Amino acid sequence: MEPATDPLRYMVSNTLSPEIFSRVDFVVANALKNGLVVMVNNHHFDRLDENPTNSLPEFLAIWRQITEHYKGFPKNLVFDLHNEPHQNATTEAMNSIYASVSRVLGK
């Protein structure tokens, strides 16, 4: 089975498909039901690592959809904004991006 955690495979015009949410929801619901803490992350967003500034609109679009979809879920569902940044996704570049995403998450 293909991993359920790569939303970029399910995007059309910066919109995540219902398929990705149904796949991830199955895992999230069952893990939460069994008392686990669940971390949703954006693991393979290579474009962000290559060019953080130009990828910001797409990155924000992804996280807007994810946070809206999971609004109201228990606090043991957490988000890891970007797993293992590298290449041009330096600490300086990512701190600015994380601040932008945090404003989205805070709404």
C-alpha atoms as a PDB file:
ATOM      1  CA  MET A   1       0.000   0.000   0.000  1.00  0.00           C
ATOM      2  CA  GLU A   2       1.214   3.483  -0.837  1.00  0.00           C
ATOM      3  CA  PRO A   3       1.916   5.682   2.215  1.00  0.00           C
ATOM      4  CA  ALA A   4      -1.096   7.715   3.302  1.00  0.00           C
ATOM      5  CA  THR A   5       1.078  10.553   4.472  1.00  0.00           C
ATOM      6  CA  ASP A   6       2.259  12.191   1.249  1.00  0.00           C
ATOM      7  CA  PRO A   7      -0.345  14.880   0.539  1.00  0.00           C
ATOM      8  CA  LEU A   8       1.531  16.261  -2.446  1.00  0.00           C
ATOM      9  CA  ARG A   9       0.591  13.157  -4.409  1.00  0.00           C
ATOM     10  CA  TYR A  10      -3.049  14.127  -3.899  1.00  0.00           C
ATOM     11  CA  MET A  11      -2.921  17.815  -4.758  1.00  0.00           C
ATOM     12  CA  VAL A  12      -4.495  19.562  -7.707  1.00  0.00           C
ATOM     13  CA  SER A  13      -4.085  23.349  -7.910  1.00  0.00           C
ATOM     14  CA  ASN A  14      -2.965  23.606  -4.264  1.00  0.00           C
ATOM     15  CA  THR A  15      -6.041  21.671  -3.121  1.00  0.00           C
ATOM     16  CA  LEU A  16      -5.716  18.423  -1.212  1.00  0.00           C
ATOM     17  CA  SER A  17      -8.097  15.776  -2.487  1.00  0.00           C
ATOM     18  CA  PRO A  18     -10.724  14.150  -0.271  1.00  0.00           C
ATOM     19  CA  GLU A  19      -8.853  10.874  -0.872  1.00  0.00           C
ATOM     20  CA  ILE A  20      -5.841  11.955   1.155  1.00  0.00           C
ATOM     21  CA  PHE A  21      -8.034  13.002   4.057  1.00  0.00           C
ATOM     22  CA  SER A  22     -10.032   9.765   4.023  1.00  0.00           C
ATOM     23  CA  ARG A  23      -6.816   7.730   4.060  1.00  0.00           C
ATOM     24  CA  VAL A  24      -5.212   9.744   6.836  1.00  0.00           C
ATOM     25  CA  ASP A  25      -8.474  10.021   8.818  1.00  0.00           C
ATOM     26  CA  PHE A  26      -8.653   6.232   9.070  1.00  0.00           C
ATOM     27  CA  VAL A  27      -5.201   6.124  10.666  1.00  0.00           C
ATOM     28  CA  VAL A  28      -5.781   9.190  12.846  1.00  0.00           C
ATOM     29  CA  ALA A  29      -9.162   8.000  14.169  1.00  0.00           C
ATOM     30  CA  ASN A  30      -7.914   4.539  15.038  1.00  0.00           C
ATOM     31  CA  ALA A  31      -4.748   5.797  16.689  1.00  0.00           C
ATOM     32  CA  LEU A  32      -6.665   8.351  18.768  1.00  0.00           C
ATOM     33  CA  LYS A  33      -9.250   5.733  19.699  1.00  0.00           C
ATOM     34  CA  ASN A  34      -6.414   3.631  21.104  1.00  0.00           C
ATOM     35  CA  GLY A  35      -5.000   6.469  23.193  1.00  0.00           C
ATOM     36  CA  LEU A  36      -2.024   7.317  20.983  1.00  0.00           C
ATOM     37  CA  VAL A  37      -0.647  10.749  20.216  1.00  0.00           C
ATOM     38  CA  VAL A  38      -0.804  11.340  16.464  1.00  0.00           C
ATOM     39  CA  MET A  39       1.568  13.564  14.524  1.00  0.00           C
ATOM     40  CA  VAL A  40       0.537  14.756  11.072  1.00  0.00           C
ATOM     41  CA  ASN A  41       3.439  16.067   9.037  1.00  0.00           C
ATOM     42  CA  ASN A  42       4.398  17.124   5.571  1.00  0.00           C
ATOM     43  CA  HIS A  43       7.268  14.722   5.059  1.00  0.00           C
ATOM     44  CA  HIS A  44       8.238  14.928   1.386  1.00  0.00           C
ATOM     45  CA  PHE A  45       7.857  18.507   0.271  1.00  0.00           C
ATOM     46  CA  ASP A  46      11.108  18.713  -1.676  1.00  0.00           C
ATOM     47  CA  ARG A  47      10.128  21.945  -3.416  1.00  0.00           C
ATOM     48  CA  LEU A  48      10.139  23.690  -0.049  1.00  0.00           C
ATOM     49  CA  ASP A  49      13.656  22.440   0.645  1.00  0.00           C
ATOM     50  CA  GLU A  50      14.839  23.568  -2.783  1.00  0.00           C
ATOM     51  CA  ASN A  51      13.204  27.011  -2.794  1.00  0.00           C
ATOM     52  CA  PRO A  52      11.501  27.954   0.478  1.00  0.00           C
ATOM     53  CA  THR A  53      10.366  31.426  -0.585  1.00  0.00           C
ATOM     54  CA  ASN A  54       8.722  30.380  -3.844  1.00  0.00           C
ATOM     55  CA  SER A  55       7.070  27.354  -2.214  1.00  0.00           C
ATOM     56  CA  LEU A  56       5.512  29.309   0.643  1.00  0.00           C
ATOM     57  CA  PRO A  57       2.079  29.841  -0.999  1.00  0.00           C
ATOM     58  CA  GLU A  58       1.705  26.114  -1.662  1.00  0.00           C
ATOM     59  CA  PHE A  59       2.990  25.233   1.813  1.00  0.00           C
ATOM     60  CA  LEU A  60       0.474  27.615   3.420  1.00  0.00           C
ATOM     61  CA  ALA A  61      -2.335  26.215   1.258  1.00  0.00           C
ATOM     62  CA  ILE A  62      -1.542  22.703   2.443  1.00  0.00           C
ATOM     63  CA  TRP A  63      -1.503  23.663   6.114  1.00  0.00           C
ATOM     64  CA  ARG A  64      -4.664  25.774   5.840  1.00  0.00           C
ATOM     65  CA  GLN A  65      -6.509  22.726   4.564  1.00  0.00           C
ATOM     66  CA  ILE A  66      -5.001  20.347   7.107  1.00  0.00           C
ATOM     67  CA  THR A  67      -5.706  22.598  10.091  1.00  0.00           C
ATOM     68  CA  GLU A  68      -9.237  23.337   8.910  1.00  0.00           C
ATOM     69  CA  HIS A  69      -9.939  19.653   8.379  1.00  0.00           C
ATOM     70  CA  TYR A  70      -8.678  18.679  11.843  1.00  0.00           C
ATOM     71  CA  LYS A  71     -10.157  21.644  13.715  1.00  0.00           C
ATOM     72  CA  GLY A  72     -11.850  20.378  16.849  1.00  0.00           C
ATOM     73  CA  PHE A  73      -9.836  17.164  17.116  1.00  0.00           C
ATOM     74  CA  PRO A  74      -8.334  16.262  20.503  1.00  0.00           C
ATOM     75  CA  LYS A  75      -5.092  17.889  21.647  1.00  0.00           C
ATOM     76  CA  ASN A  76      -3.238  14.618  21.174  1.00  0.00           C
ATOM     77  CA  LEU A  77      -3.349  15.260  17.423  1.00  0.00           C
ATOM     78  CA  VAL A  78      -0.286  17.400  16.736  1.00  0.00           C
ATOM     79  CA  PHE A  79       1.402  18.835  13.659  1.00  0.00           C
ATOM     80  CA  ASP A  80       5.031  18.704  12.523  1.00  0.00           C
ATOM     81  CA  LEU A  81       5.187  21.425   9.909  1.00  0.00           C
ATOM     82  CA  HIS A  82       8.106  20.121   7.877  1.00  0.00           C
ATOM     83  CA  ASN A  83      10.082  16.987   8.600  1.00  0.00           C
ATOM     84  CA  GLU A  84      13.853  17.322   8.380  1.00  0.00           C
ATOM     85  CA  PRO A  85      14.348  20.549   6.416  1.00  0.00           C
ATOM     86  CA  HIS A  86      17.531  20.529   4.344  1.00  0.00           C
ATOM     87  CA  GLN A  87      19.177  22.072   1.271  1.00  0.00           C
ATOM     88  CA  ASN A  88      18.005  25.711   1.098  1.00  0.00           C
ATOM     89  CA  ALA A  89      15.519  25.271   3.943  1.00  0.00           C
ATOM     90  CA  THR A  90      17.955  26.787   6.413  1.00  0.00           C
ATOM     91  CA  THR A  91      17.075  27.673   9.976  1.00  0.00           C
ATOM     92  CA  GLU A  92      16.813  31.340   9.010  1.00  0.00           C
ATOM     93  CA  ALA A  93      14.532  30.622   6.031  1.00  0.00           C
ATOM     94  CA  MET A  94      12.363  28.157   7.912  1.00  0.00           C
ATOM     95  CA  ASN A  95      11.915  30.342  11.000  1.00  0.00           C
ATOM     96  CA  SER A  96      10.234  32.946   8.822  1.00  0.00           C
ATOM     97  CA  ILE A  97       8.104  30.301   7.114  1.00  0.00           C
ATOM     98  CA  TYR A  98       7.152  28.675  10.414  1.00  0.00           C
ATOM     99  CA  ALA A  99       6.001  32.072  11.689  1.00  0.00           C
ATOM    100  CA  SER A 100       3.726  32.409   8.634  1.00  0.00           C
ATOM    101  CA  VAL A 101       2.311  28.925   9.106  1.00  0.00           C
ATOM    102  CA  SER A 102       1.842  29.494  12.833  1.00  0.00           C
ATOM    103  CA  ARG A 103      -0.402  32.464  12.039  1.00  0.00           C
ATOM    104  CA  VAL A 104      -2.475  30.108   9.839  1.00  0.00           C
ATOM    105  CA  LEU A 105      -2.594  27.457  12.579  1.00  0.00           C
ATOM    106  CA  GLY A 106      -3.590  30.017  15.188  1.00  0.00           C
ATOM    107  CA  LYS A 107      -6.804  30.970  13.391  1.00  0.00           C
END
